[in-house]
Structures are given as structure tokens and as C-alpha cells.
Amino acid sequence: MPKNSNVLGETLTLIEAHLKEEMDSEKLAKKLHLSEGHLRRLFKKEFDISLASYIRSRKLAHSLELLQDLRLSVLEVALQSGFSYAQPYIRAFKSEYGMTPSAMWESGQVVKVTPPLRLNETNPAKSSNSFGPEIVYVTGFDLIGKTHRIPEEAPASVPASLAYDFYFKERGKFEAFKHKNVYFGLTYLVEEDYSLYTTSFLYEGERVPASHYKKIYVPSGTYVKFQYIGHHDAKNLNANAMKGMYEAIRDFEESQGVFHKSLGHNKRGYYFEKITQDGASVKVEWFSPVFEK
């Protein structure tokens, strides 16, 4: 444990407990009976991030959940996230995520979220592993496709075969879709003995090709994201090619280092992969919902 672990641990706890208030480094230092300069130096040395930046990032991460509530104005979200006015909040949001709150919802972009720091644990947001993990916030979106019931004992080759058939054999029925080169495989855990797996494309308001295709809404939420990029065709995707990503997922699930209630949660339990074919390269992104523990 670091020499000042008690102080740093209490600092992290206080930040999470006061995300809705105008808490800053000066107020934190007073609560801890320390000088502000000393606390800022301790924090920077241990976590390699400034205390002010971390507080701001955590408040903005908290605000993402509030933005789902359409009854709240941007000002109300700002006030409930520890900002005095709407404009400072919007400026901070744009600096953090590269767009305004309204632009994020309109674009459906995935944004990287700063998770709560913990002492003596690797911060996933700074991981040097190219496969992940990253903590991201996903805005809700619609999919259109076919849903299949997958028994628990079914091998991994079953959903892989369904995905292959849907993408390569049925894609022609979705010619009018803008993103027909982006495949989504959505898993929903229904019961202990089976799950539902939807092979799909993004739905953007076009006419549904046939009655046996189903529209599904994937809710907004916080996810753990892993990814694999290969310089080959999607037809050549296999477990061996994506071994590094699968190992990163396994290591993360074993550590469960960032499953923290302040990250929020996705109670519906959707897991999904997104496969994008771009010229001679293919990108696989795997998303797992962050649950409240």
C-alpha cells in the first residue's frame, strides 16, 4: 500500500460521495484537514492525473446517466452533477467527449468514460493493452434482424455460424441500409439454460425488409469495451485470430477491477459485438454491460 493510502482512499471515497455537489480540490483538502497543494501533489504522484481533472471527469461520467432522463434540462443535469451553470458544464462536456450533450445523443457516438480509481489496481482507462479494456458510455440505438434461441450447452460455433449466414447470405436484403457493412450480434441472457442471440444491422428508419425481421432497442448504458483489428476479410475471423482479445476479456472478468456501483448499470443485460468491414481491414468490438455490484 502507498504511504498515504488512507488519505488517498478517503479522497476517492469523498469524490464519489459528492459527485452531485460543487466539490473541488480546495473543499476536499479542508474535509481531510490538509493543504490543497499537498493533496494535489499526493494525488498526482499516485495516479498520474491531476486531482481537478479527475474530479471533473467523474462528474461528467455521472452526468451521462442523468442525460437519459428526458424530463431533465441541460441546466438541471449540470446542477445535479456539481456544476453551477449550464455553460460551464457544456464546455467541460465538450472538452471531455469532443461534442456537446445534445450532439452526443443525436450522433449516437460511443464515448470513453473515466472509471473510479482504486488504490493498487490497474486503471483500465490507462491500460496499454491494445485489446482493452476501456470503459465507455453507449447511447441507445435500434437494431433490425433475426433472434435465435441458443441453448447454454451450444458451442461457440453456433452463434458464429448464425452471424456468418446473416451477414454474408442475407445482407442483400438490406441494400438500402447505410451501414450494411456493420454487423451487430446481440446477446440477451433470458434464463440459466438459454440465451437469445440477434443477428442484426443498425436500424435507421428504413422500411423493414420482411416480417420475420425484428426491431430491437439497445438501451443506453455503461459498458466495458474490448476490440480486435485485423488486416483481413471478415470471412477469416476465428477464435485463433482474436485470441488476444479473448484473453484480455478473460483476465478482466477474473479481476473485475472496475465493477463499481458509481459506474452505473445496465439492468437489461445486453452483451453485443460490433463487426465493421472497412476495405481490407476488419474491426471487432465487444461490449459487456457494467452491473452494479
C-alpha atoms as a PDB file:
ATOM      1  CA  MET A   1       0.000   0.000   0.000  1.00  0.00           C
ATOM      2  CA  PRO A   2       1.277   3.527  -0.679  1.00  0.00           C
ATOM      3  CA  LYS A   3       2.459   5.512   2.326  1.00  0.00           C
ATOM      4  CA  ASN A   4      -0.508   7.885   2.106  1.00  0.00           C
ATOM      5  CA  SER A   5      -3.075   5.206   1.243  1.00  0.00           C
ATOM      6  CA  ASN A   6      -5.544   6.233   3.966  1.00  0.00           C
ATOM      7  CA  VAL A   7      -5.648   9.825   2.736  1.00  0.00           C
ATOM      8  CA  LEU A   8      -5.888   8.823  -0.924  1.00  0.00           C
ATOM      9  CA  GLY A   9      -8.529   6.192  -0.230  1.00  0.00           C
ATOM     10  CA  GLU A  10     -10.642   8.709   1.684  1.00  0.00           C
ATOM     11  CA  THR A  11     -10.139  11.223  -1.136  1.00  0.00           C
ATOM     12  CA  LEU A  12     -11.518   8.779  -3.708  1.00  0.00           C
ATOM     13  CA  THR A  13     -14.442   7.910  -1.438  1.00  0.00           C
ATOM     14  CA  LEU A  14     -15.299  11.570  -0.879  1.00  0.00           C
ATOM     15  CA  ILE A  15     -15.220  12.321  -4.609  1.00  0.00           C
ATOM     16  CA  GLU A  16     -17.689   9.517  -5.373  1.00  0.00           C
ATOM     17  CA  ALA A  17     -19.938  10.576  -2.483  1.00  0.00           C
ATOM     18  CA  HIS A  18     -20.113  14.199  -3.686  1.00  0.00           C
ATOM     19  CA  LEU A  19     -20.487  13.886  -7.461  1.00  0.00           C
ATOM     20  CA  LYS A  20     -23.748  15.851  -7.266  1.00  0.00           C
ATOM     21  CA  GLU A  21     -22.166  18.775  -5.423  1.00  0.00           C
ATOM     22  CA  GLU A  22     -19.726  21.564  -6.239  1.00  0.00           C
ATOM     23  CA  MET A  23     -16.803  19.636  -4.790  1.00  0.00           C
ATOM     24  CA  ASP A  24     -13.293  20.723  -5.791  1.00  0.00           C
ATOM     25  CA  SER A  25      -9.737  20.144  -4.573  1.00  0.00           C
ATOM     26  CA  GLU A  26      -9.939  23.028  -2.094  1.00  0.00           C
ATOM     27  CA  LYS A  27     -13.090  21.679  -0.415  1.00  0.00           C
ATOM     28  CA  LEU A  28     -11.670  18.154  -0.398  1.00  0.00           C
ATOM     29  CA  ALA A  29      -8.495  19.346   1.284  1.00  0.00           C
ATOM     30  CA  LYS A  30     -10.500  21.108   4.010  1.00  0.00           C
ATOM     31  CA  LYS A  31     -12.506  17.951   4.699  1.00  0.00           C
ATOM     32  CA  LEU A  32      -9.261  15.985   5.006  1.00  0.00           C
ATOM     33  CA  HIS A  33      -7.536  18.706   7.097  1.00  0.00           C
ATOM     34  CA  LEU A  34      -4.723  19.037   4.555  1.00  0.00           C
ATOM     35  CA  SER A  35      -3.348  21.842   2.468  1.00  0.00           C
ATOM     36  CA  GLU A  36      -4.733  21.870  -1.058  1.00  0.00           C
ATOM     37  CA  GLY A  37      -1.262  21.857  -2.593  1.00  0.00           C
ATOM     38  CA  HIS A  38      -0.191  18.811  -0.593  1.00  0.00           C
ATOM     39  CA  LEU A  39      -3.308  16.846  -1.524  1.00  0.00           C
ATOM     40  CA  ARG A  40      -2.925  17.694  -5.207  1.00  0.00           C
ATOM     41  CA  ARG A  41       0.728  16.545  -5.174  1.00  0.00           C
ATOM     42  CA  LEU A  42      -0.145  13.265  -3.442  1.00  0.00           C
ATOM     43  CA  PHE A  43      -2.908  12.534  -5.928  1.00  0.00           C
ATOM     44  CA  LYS A  44      -0.814  13.374  -8.985  1.00  0.00           C
ATOM     45  CA  LYS A  45       2.112  11.249  -7.774  1.00  0.00           C
ATOM     46  CA  GLU A  46      -0.056   8.181  -7.097  1.00  0.00           C
ATOM     47  CA  PHE A  47      -2.422   8.264 -10.078  1.00  0.00           C
ATOM     48  CA  ASP A  48      -0.546  10.322 -12.695  1.00  0.00           C
ATOM     49  CA  ILE A  49      -3.587  12.550 -13.238  1.00  0.00           C
ATOM     50  CA  SER A  50      -4.406  15.909 -11.703  1.00  0.00           C
ATOM     51  CA  LEU A  51      -6.987  15.935  -8.936  1.00  0.00           C
ATOM     52  CA  ALA A  52      -9.031  18.652 -10.652  1.00  0.00           C
ATOM     53  CA  SER A  53      -9.137  16.730 -13.957  1.00  0.00           C
ATOM     54  CA  TYR A  54     -10.187  13.531 -12.218  1.00  0.00           C
ATOM     55  CA  ILE A  55     -12.996  15.231 -10.276  1.00  0.00           C
ATOM     56  CA  ARG A  56     -14.292  16.824 -13.462  1.00  0.00           C
ATOM     57  CA  SER A  57     -14.143  13.526 -15.382  1.00  0.00           C
ATOM     58  CA  ARG A  58     -16.033  11.644 -12.687  1.00  0.00           C
ATOM     59  CA  LYS A  59     -18.739  14.333 -12.524  1.00  0.00           C
ATOM     60  CA  LEU A  60     -19.145  14.194 -16.299  1.00  0.00           C
ATOM     61  CA  ALA A  61     -19.366  10.386 -16.209  1.00  0.00           C
ATOM     62  CA  HIS A  62     -22.095  10.713 -13.580  1.00  0.00           C
ATOM     63  CA  SER A  63     -23.960  13.196 -15.793  1.00  0.00           C
ATOM     64  CA  LEU A  64     -24.223  10.691 -18.660  1.00  0.00           C
ATOM     65  CA  GLU A  65     -26.758   8.664 -16.710  1.00  0.00           C
ATOM     66  CA  LEU A  66     -28.790  11.799 -15.927  1.00  0.00           C
ATOM     67  CA  LEU A  67     -28.909  12.800 -19.592  1.00  0.00           C
ATOM     68  CA  GLN A  68     -31.057   9.729 -20.265  1.00  0.00           C
ATOM     69  CA  ASP A  69     -33.908  11.356 -18.345  1.00  0.00           C
ATOM     70  CA  LEU A  70     -35.638  13.469 -20.980  1.00  0.00           C
ATOM     71  CA  ARG A  71     -37.535  15.274 -18.234  1.00  0.00           C
ATOM     72  CA  LEU A  72     -34.305  16.986 -17.141  1.00  0.00           C
ATOM     73  CA  SER A  73     -32.997  20.072 -18.898  1.00  0.00           C
ATOM     74  CA  VAL A  74     -29.261  20.512 -19.523  1.00  0.00           C
ATOM     75  CA  LEU A  75     -29.224  23.036 -16.661  1.00  0.00           C
ATOM     76  CA  GLU A  76     -30.795  20.511 -14.285  1.00  0.00           C
ATOM     77  CA  VAL A  77     -28.289  17.858 -15.330  1.00  0.00           C
ATOM     78  CA  ALA A  78     -25.472  20.366 -14.777  1.00  0.00           C
ATOM     79  CA  LEU A  79     -26.715  21.290 -11.297  1.00  0.00           C
ATOM     80  CA  GLN A  80     -27.120  17.621 -10.327  1.00  0.00           C
ATOM     81  CA  SER A  81     -23.562  16.947 -11.490  1.00  0.00           C
ATOM     82  CA  GLY A  82     -21.904  19.626  -9.373  1.00  0.00           C
ATOM     83  CA  PHE A  83     -21.738  22.463 -11.912  1.00  0.00           C
ATOM     84  CA  SER A  84     -23.015  25.964 -11.121  1.00  0.00           C
ATOM     85  CA  TYR A  85     -24.472  26.745 -14.555  1.00  0.00           C
ATOM     86  CA  ALA A  86     -25.227  25.062 -17.874  1.00  0.00           C
ATOM     87  CA  GLN A  87     -22.445  26.729 -19.894  1.00  0.00           C
ATOM     88  CA  PRO A  88     -19.501  25.553 -17.722  1.00  0.00           C
ATOM     89  CA  TYR A  89     -20.992  22.048 -17.853  1.00  0.00           C
ATOM     90  CA  ILE A  90     -21.394  22.113 -21.649  1.00  0.00           C
ATOM     91  CA  ARG A  91     -17.818  23.410 -22.087  1.00  0.00           C
ATOM     92  CA  ALA A  92     -16.434  20.703 -19.803  1.00  0.00           C
ATOM     93  CA  PHE A  93     -18.527  18.039 -21.572  1.00  0.00           C
ATOM     94  CA  LYS A  94     -17.255  19.127 -24.985  1.00  0.00           C
ATOM     95  CA  SER A  95     -13.664  19.179 -23.740  1.00  0.00           C
ATOM     96  CA  GLU A  96     -14.031  15.665 -22.296  1.00  0.00           C
ATOM     97  CA  TYR A  97     -16.015  13.967 -25.061  1.00  0.00           C
ATOM     98  CA  GLY A  98     -15.422  16.146 -28.117  1.00  0.00           C
ATOM     99  CA  MET A  99     -19.064  17.181 -28.540  1.00  0.00           C
ATOM    100  CA  THR A 100     -21.934  18.817 -26.671  1.00  0.00           C
ATOM    101  CA  PRO A 101     -24.502  16.699 -24.760  1.00  0.00           C
ATOM    102  CA  SER A 102     -27.151  17.230 -27.445  1.00  0.00           C
ATOM    103  CA  ALA A 103     -24.710  16.375 -30.238  1.00  0.00           C
ATOM    104  CA  MET A 104     -23.795  13.130 -28.492  1.00  0.00           C
ATOM    105  CA  TRP A 105     -27.408  11.957 -28.366  1.00  0.00           C
ATOM    106  CA  GLU A 106     -28.032  12.989 -31.961  1.00  0.00           C
ATOM    107  CA  SER A 107     -24.900  11.223 -33.241  1.00  0.00           C
ATOM    108  CA  GLY A 108     -25.186   8.066 -31.131  1.00  0.00           C
ATOM    109  CA  GLN A 109     -21.431   8.168 -30.518  1.00  0.00           C
ATOM    110  CA  VAL A 110     -19.709   5.911 -28.022  1.00  0.00           C
ATOM    111  CA  VAL A 111     -17.663   7.955 -25.550  1.00  0.00           C
ATOM    112  CA  LYS A 112     -14.821   6.811 -23.319  1.00  0.00           C
ATOM    113  CA  VAL A 113     -15.584   7.166 -19.614  1.00  0.00           C
ATOM    114  CA  THR A 114     -13.144   7.669 -16.734  1.00  0.00           C
ATOM    115  CA  PRO A 115     -13.921   4.923 -14.181  1.00  0.00           C
ATOM    116  CA  PRO A 116     -13.429   5.310 -10.426  1.00  0.00           C
ATOM    117  CA  LEU A 117      -9.783   4.952  -9.443  1.00  0.00           C
ATOM    118  CA  ARG A 118      -8.789   2.418  -6.831  1.00  0.00           C
ATOM    119  CA  LEU A 119      -5.577   2.014  -4.890  1.00  0.00           C
ATOM    120  CA  ASN A 120      -3.221  -0.747  -6.048  1.00  0.00           C
ATOM    121  CA  GLU A 121      -5.353  -1.653  -9.061  1.00  0.00           C
ATOM    122  CA  THR A 122      -4.589  -1.005 -12.709  1.00  0.00           C
ATOM    123  CA  ASN A 123      -6.749   1.756 -14.067  1.00  0.00           C
ATOM    124  CA  PRO A 124      -8.389   0.254 -17.178  1.00  0.00           C
ATOM    125  CA  ALA A 125      -8.717   3.681 -18.766  1.00  0.00           C
ATOM    126  CA  LYS A 126      -4.912   3.833 -18.953  1.00  0.00           C
ATOM    127  CA  SER A 127      -4.309   0.229 -19.970  1.00  0.00           C
ATOM    128  CA  SER A 128      -1.531  -0.203 -22.511  1.00  0.00           C
ATOM    129  CA  ASN A 129      -3.165  -3.411 -23.770  1.00  0.00           C
ATOM    130  CA  SER A 130      -4.318  -2.734 -27.332  1.00  0.00           C
ATOM    131  CA  PHE A 131      -7.252  -5.126 -26.876  1.00  0.00           C
ATOM    132  CA  GLY A 132      -8.773  -3.241 -23.934  1.00  0.00           C
ATOM    133  CA  PRO A 133     -10.466  -2.819 -21.621  1.00  0.00           C
ATOM    134  CA  GLU A 134     -11.988   0.619 -21.967  1.00  0.00           C
ATOM    135  CA  ILE A 135     -14.962   1.907 -20.031  1.00  0.00           C
ATOM    136  CA  VAL A 136     -17.389   3.562 -22.456  1.00  0.00           C
ATOM    137  CA  TYR A 137     -20.863   5.044 -22.426  1.00  0.00           C
ATOM    138  CA  VAL A 138     -23.126   3.906 -25.266  1.00  0.00           C
ATOM    139  CA  THR A 139     -26.189   5.897 -26.272  1.00  0.00           C
ATOM    140  CA  GLY A 140     -29.258   3.800 -27.101  1.00  0.00           C
ATOM    141  CA  PHE A 141     -29.756   2.576 -30.663  1.00  0.00           C
ATOM    142  CA  ASP A 142     -32.079   0.396 -32.752  1.00  0.00           C
ATOM    143  CA  LEU A 143     -31.180  -2.856 -34.488  1.00  0.00           C
ATOM    144  CA  ILE A 144     -33.073  -4.895 -37.058  1.00  0.00           C
ATOM    145  CA  GLY A 145     -32.523  -8.606 -37.533  1.00  0.00           C
ATOM    146  CA  LYS A 146     -33.365 -12.188 -36.550  1.00  0.00           C
ATOM    147  CA  THR A 147     -33.478 -13.516 -32.996  1.00  0.00           C
ATOM    148  CA  HIS A 148     -32.378 -17.078 -32.240  1.00  0.00           C
ATOM    149  CA  ARG A 149     -32.673 -19.168 -29.075  1.00  0.00           C
ATOM    150  CA  ILE A 150     -29.251 -20.549 -28.094  1.00  0.00           C
ATOM    151  CA  PRO A 151     -29.090 -23.403 -25.525  1.00  0.00           C
ATOM    152  CA  GLU A 152     -26.500 -22.969 -22.792  1.00  0.00           C
ATOM    153  CA  GLU A 153     -24.648 -26.118 -23.880  1.00  0.00           C
ATOM    154  CA  ALA A 154     -24.340 -24.956 -27.510  1.00  0.00           C
ATOM    155  CA  PRO A 155     -20.725 -24.489 -28.700  1.00  0.00           C
ATOM    156  CA  ALA A 156     -19.456 -21.046 -29.687  1.00  0.00           C
ATOM    157  CA  SER A 157     -19.573 -22.147 -33.320  1.00  0.00           C
ATOM    158  CA  VAL A 158     -23.398 -21.931 -33.287  1.00  0.00           C
ATOM    159  CA  PRO A 159     -23.776 -18.124 -32.920  1.00  0.00           C
ATOM    160  CA  ALA A 160     -20.689 -17.680 -35.127  1.00  0.00           C
ATOM    161  CA  SER A 161     -22.387 -19.688 -37.880  1.00  0.00           C
ATOM    162  CA  LEU A 162     -25.628 -17.699 -37.485  1.00  0.00           C
ATOM    163  CA  ALA A 163     -23.665 -14.439 -37.733  1.00  0.00           C
ATOM    164  CA  TYR A 164     -21.847 -15.634 -40.862  1.00  0.00           C
ATOM    165  CA  ASP A 165     -25.053 -16.699 -42.586  1.00  0.00           C
ATOM    166  CA  PHE A 166     -26.846 -13.457 -41.732  1.00  0.00           C
ATOM    167  CA  TYR A 167     -24.029 -11.143 -42.791  1.00  0.00           C
ATOM    168  CA  PHE A 168     -22.968 -12.886 -45.996  1.00  0.00           C
ATOM    169  CA  LYS A 169     -26.210 -14.523 -47.147  1.00  0.00           C
ATOM    170  CA  GLU A 170     -28.914 -12.039 -46.128  1.00  0.00           C
ATOM    171  CA  ARG A 171     -27.107  -8.733 -46.497  1.00  0.00           C
ATOM    172  CA  GLY A 172     -28.557  -8.250 -49.982  1.00  0.00           C
ATOM    173  CA  LYS A 173     -31.998  -7.782 -48.436  1.00  0.00           C
ATOM    174  CA  PHE A 174     -30.643  -4.701 -46.630  1.00  0.00           C
ATOM    175  CA  GLU A 175     -29.141  -2.933 -49.631  1.00  0.00           C
ATOM    176  CA  ALA A 176     -30.974   0.304 -48.798  1.00  0.00           C
ATOM    177  CA  PHE A 177     -29.365   0.466 -45.332  1.00  0.00           C
ATOM    178  CA  LYS A 178     -26.493   2.920 -44.922  1.00  0.00           C
ATOM    179  CA  HIS A 179     -24.430   0.677 -42.644  1.00  0.00           C
ATOM    180  CA  LYS A 180     -24.868  -2.776 -44.146  1.00  0.00           C
ATOM    181  CA  ASN A 181     -21.119  -3.411 -43.667  1.00  0.00           C
ATOM    182  CA  VAL A 182     -21.506  -3.081 -39.884  1.00  0.00           C
ATOM    183  CA  TYR A 183     -22.812  -6.224 -38.203  1.00  0.00           C
ATOM    184  CA  PHE A 184     -24.188  -6.452 -34.660  1.00  0.00           C
ATOM    185  CA  GLY A 185     -24.567  -9.668 -32.695  1.00  0.00           C
ATOM    186  CA  LEU A 186     -26.735  -9.036 -29.642  1.00  0.00           C
ATOM    187  CA  THR A 187     -26.959 -11.490 -26.741  1.00  0.00           C
ATOM    188  CA  TYR A 188     -29.644 -11.245 -24.091  1.00  0.00           C
ATOM    189  CA  LEU A 189     -29.461 -13.578 -21.090  1.00  0.00           C
ATOM    190  CA  VAL A 190     -33.037 -14.762 -20.525  1.00  0.00           C
ATOM    191  CA  GLU A 191     -32.776 -17.897 -18.395  1.00  0.00           C
ATOM    192  CA  GLU A 192     -29.979 -20.001 -16.988  1.00  0.00           C
ATOM    193  CA  ASP A 193     -30.373 -22.668 -19.678  1.00  0.00           C
ATOM    194  CA  TYR A 194     -30.542 -20.473 -22.790  1.00  0.00           C
ATOM    195  CA  SER A 195     -29.980 -17.009 -24.218  1.00  0.00           C
ATOM    196  CA  LEU A 196     -31.368 -15.023 -27.131  1.00  0.00           C
ATOM    197  CA  TYR A 197     -28.955 -14.085 -29.898  1.00  0.00           C
ATOM    198  CA  THR A 198     -29.940 -11.483 -32.518  1.00  0.00           C
ATOM    199  CA  THR A 199     -28.058 -11.242 -35.806  1.00  0.00           C
ATOM    200  CA  SER A 200     -28.600  -7.689 -36.999  1.00  0.00           C
ATOM    201  CA  PHE A 201     -27.762  -4.390 -38.682  1.00  0.00           C
ATOM    202  CA  LEU A 202     -28.356  -0.835 -37.462  1.00  0.00           C
ATOM    203  CA  TYR A 203     -31.952   0.269 -37.991  1.00  0.00           C
ATOM    204  CA  GLU A 204     -32.216   3.883 -39.150  1.00  0.00           C
ATOM    205  CA  GLY A 205     -35.877   4.251 -40.031  1.00  0.00           C
ATOM    206  CA  GLU A 206     -35.803   2.403 -43.343  1.00  0.00           C
ATOM    207  CA  ARG A 207     -38.564   0.012 -44.281  1.00  0.00           C
ATOM    208  CA  VAL A 208     -38.211  -3.409 -42.624  1.00  0.00           C
ATOM    209  CA  PRO A 209     -37.241  -5.884 -45.398  1.00  0.00           C
ATOM    210  CA  ALA A 210     -39.628  -8.661 -44.259  1.00  0.00           C
ATOM    211  CA  SER A 211     -41.972  -9.517 -41.407  1.00  0.00           C
ATOM    212  CA  HIS A 212     -39.627 -12.121 -39.915  1.00  0.00           C
ATOM    213  CA  TYR A 213     -37.048  -9.430 -39.088  1.00  0.00           C
ATOM    214  CA  LYS A 214     -37.437  -7.849 -35.674  1.00  0.00           C
ATOM    215  CA  LYS A 215     -36.537  -4.362 -34.414  1.00  0.00           C
ATOM    216  CA  ILE A 216     -34.783  -4.250 -31.030  1.00  0.00           C
ATOM    217  CA  TYR A 217     -33.743  -1.234 -28.970  1.00  0.00           C
ATOM    218  CA  VAL A 218     -30.407  -1.484 -27.152  1.00  0.00           C
ATOM    219  CA  PRO A 219     -30.586   0.812 -24.106  1.00  0.00           C
ATOM    220  CA  SER A 220     -28.068   3.477 -23.159  1.00  0.00           C
ATOM    221  CA  GLY A 221     -25.595   2.387 -20.551  1.00  0.00           C
ATOM    222  CA  THR A 222     -22.019   1.969 -19.376  1.00  0.00           C
ATOM    223  CA  TYR A 223     -20.069  -0.870 -20.949  1.00  0.00           C
ATOM    224  CA  VAL A 224     -16.644  -2.479 -20.843  1.00  0.00           C
ATOM    225  CA  LYS A 225     -15.286  -2.475 -24.389  1.00  0.00           C
ATOM    226  CA  PHE A 226     -12.621  -4.684 -25.978  1.00  0.00           C
ATOM    227  CA  GLN A 227     -11.553  -4.662 -29.604  1.00  0.00           C
ATOM    228  CA  TYR A 228      -9.592  -6.540 -32.249  1.00  0.00           C
ATOM    229  CA  ILE A 229      -8.392  -5.118 -35.591  1.00  0.00           C
ATOM    230  CA  GLY A 230      -7.254  -7.474 -38.335  1.00  0.00           C
ATOM    231  CA  HIS A 231      -5.930  -6.722 -41.807  1.00  0.00           C
ATOM    232  CA  HIS A 232      -8.088  -9.314 -43.488  1.00  0.00           C
ATOM    233  CA  ASP A 233     -11.672 -10.004 -44.576  1.00  0.00           C
ATOM    234  CA  ALA A 234     -14.424 -10.657 -42.032  1.00  0.00           C
ATOM    235  CA  LYS A 235     -14.753 -14.151 -43.532  1.00  0.00           C
ATOM    236  CA  ASN A 236     -11.408 -15.011 -41.953  1.00  0.00           C
ATOM    237  CA  LEU A 237     -12.424 -14.123 -38.405  1.00  0.00           C
ATOM    238  CA  ASN A 238     -11.865 -17.001 -35.993  1.00  0.00           C
ATOM    239  CA  ALA A 239     -11.049 -17.672 -32.352  1.00  0.00           C
ATOM    240  CA  ASN A 240      -7.333 -18.031 -33.098  1.00  0.00           C
ATOM    241  CA  ALA A 241      -7.145 -14.621 -34.810  1.00  0.00           C
ATOM    242  CA  MET A 242      -8.913 -12.932 -31.882  1.00  0.00           C
ATOM    243  CA  LYS A 243      -7.085 -14.908 -29.179  1.00  0.00           C
ATOM    244  CA  GLY A 244      -5.505 -11.784 -27.673  1.00  0.00           C
ATOM    245  CA  MET A 245      -8.868 -10.050 -27.267  1.00  0.00           C
ATOM    246  CA  TYR A 246     -10.452 -13.116 -25.696  1.00  0.00           C
ATOM    247  CA  GLU A 247      -7.552 -13.403 -23.246  1.00  0.00           C
ATOM    248  CA  ALA A 248      -7.959  -9.730 -22.303  1.00  0.00           C
ATOM    249  CA  ILE A 249     -11.683 -10.310 -21.686  1.00  0.00           C
ATOM    250  CA  ARG A 250     -10.956 -13.368 -19.551  1.00  0.00           C
ATOM    251  CA  ASP A 251      -8.317 -11.543 -17.484  1.00  0.00           C
ATOM    252  CA  PHE A 252     -10.657  -8.628 -16.916  1.00  0.00           C
ATOM    253  CA  GLU A 253     -13.580 -10.835 -15.869  1.00  0.00           C
ATOM    254  CA  GLU A 254     -11.330 -12.613 -13.383  1.00  0.00           C
ATOM    255  CA  SER A 255     -10.150  -9.344 -11.807  1.00  0.00           C
ATOM    256  CA  GLN A 256     -13.493  -7.448 -12.022  1.00  0.00           C
ATOM    257  CA  GLY A 257     -11.466  -4.406 -11.051  1.00  0.00           C
ATOM    258  CA  VAL A 258     -13.860  -1.715 -12.226  1.00  0.00           C
ATOM    259  CA  PHE A 259     -17.289  -3.150 -11.426  1.00  0.00           C
ATOM    260  CA  HIS A 260     -18.219  -0.326  -9.113  1.00  0.00           C
ATOM    261  CA  LYS A 261     -21.712   0.943  -8.377  1.00  0.00           C
ATOM    262  CA  SER A 262     -20.819   4.528  -9.253  1.00  0.00           C
ATOM    263  CA  LEU A 263     -20.220   3.452 -12.865  1.00  0.00           C
ATOM    264  CA  GLY A 264     -23.934   2.859 -13.245  1.00  0.00           C
ATOM    265  CA  HIS A 265     -25.506  -0.333 -14.520  1.00  0.00           C
ATOM    266  CA  ASN A 266     -27.386  -1.851 -17.402  1.00  0.00           C
ATOM    267  CA  LYS A 267     -30.126  -3.959 -15.814  1.00  0.00           C
ATOM    268  CA  ARG A 268     -31.351  -5.456 -19.097  1.00  0.00           C
ATOM    269  CA  GLY A 269     -28.172  -7.464 -19.539  1.00  0.00           C
ATOM    270  CA  TYR A 270     -27.395  -6.921 -23.226  1.00  0.00           C
ATOM    271  CA  TYR A 271     -23.983  -8.037 -24.480  1.00  0.00           C
ATOM    272  CA  PHE A 272     -23.058  -7.306 -28.057  1.00  0.00           C
ATOM    273  CA  GLU A 273     -20.319  -7.477 -30.645  1.00  0.00           C
ATOM    274  CA  LYS A 274     -19.939  -4.980 -33.457  1.00  0.00           C
ATOM    275  CA  ILE A 275     -18.040  -6.091 -36.568  1.00  0.00           C
ATOM    276  CA  THR A 276     -17.040  -3.482 -39.144  1.00  0.00           C
ATOM    277  CA  GLN A 277     -15.543  -4.350 -42.525  1.00  0.00           C
ATOM    278  CA  ASP A 278     -13.614  -1.348 -43.840  1.00  0.00           C
ATOM    279  CA  GLY A 279     -11.785  -2.098 -47.076  1.00  0.00           C
ATOM    280  CA  ALA A 280      -9.126  -4.734 -46.378  1.00  0.00           C
ATOM    281  CA  SER A 281      -9.448  -4.450 -42.581  1.00  0.00           C
ATOM    282  CA  VAL A 282     -11.990  -5.749 -40.092  1.00  0.00           C
ATOM    283  CA  LYS A 283     -12.657  -4.425 -36.579  1.00  0.00           C
ATOM    284  CA  VAL A 284     -14.398  -6.425 -33.866  1.00  0.00           C
ATOM    285  CA  GLU A 285     -15.661  -4.521 -30.807  1.00  0.00           C
ATOM    286  CA  TRP A 286     -17.058  -6.494 -27.874  1.00  0.00           C
ATOM    287  CA  PHE A 287     -19.249  -4.739 -25.285  1.00  0.00           C
ATOM    288  CA  SER A 288     -20.225  -6.063 -21.854  1.00  0.00           C
ATOM    289  CA  PRO A 289     -22.632  -4.115 -19.608  1.00  0.00           C
ATOM    290  CA  VAL A 290     -21.334  -2.810 -16.299  1.00  0.00           C
ATOM    291  CA  PHE A 291     -23.539  -4.089 -13.494  1.00  0.00           C
ATOM    292  CA  GLU A 292     -23.998  -2.668 -10.034  1.00  0.00           C
ATOM    293  CA  LYS A 293     -22.207  -4.970  -7.600  1.00  0.00           C
END
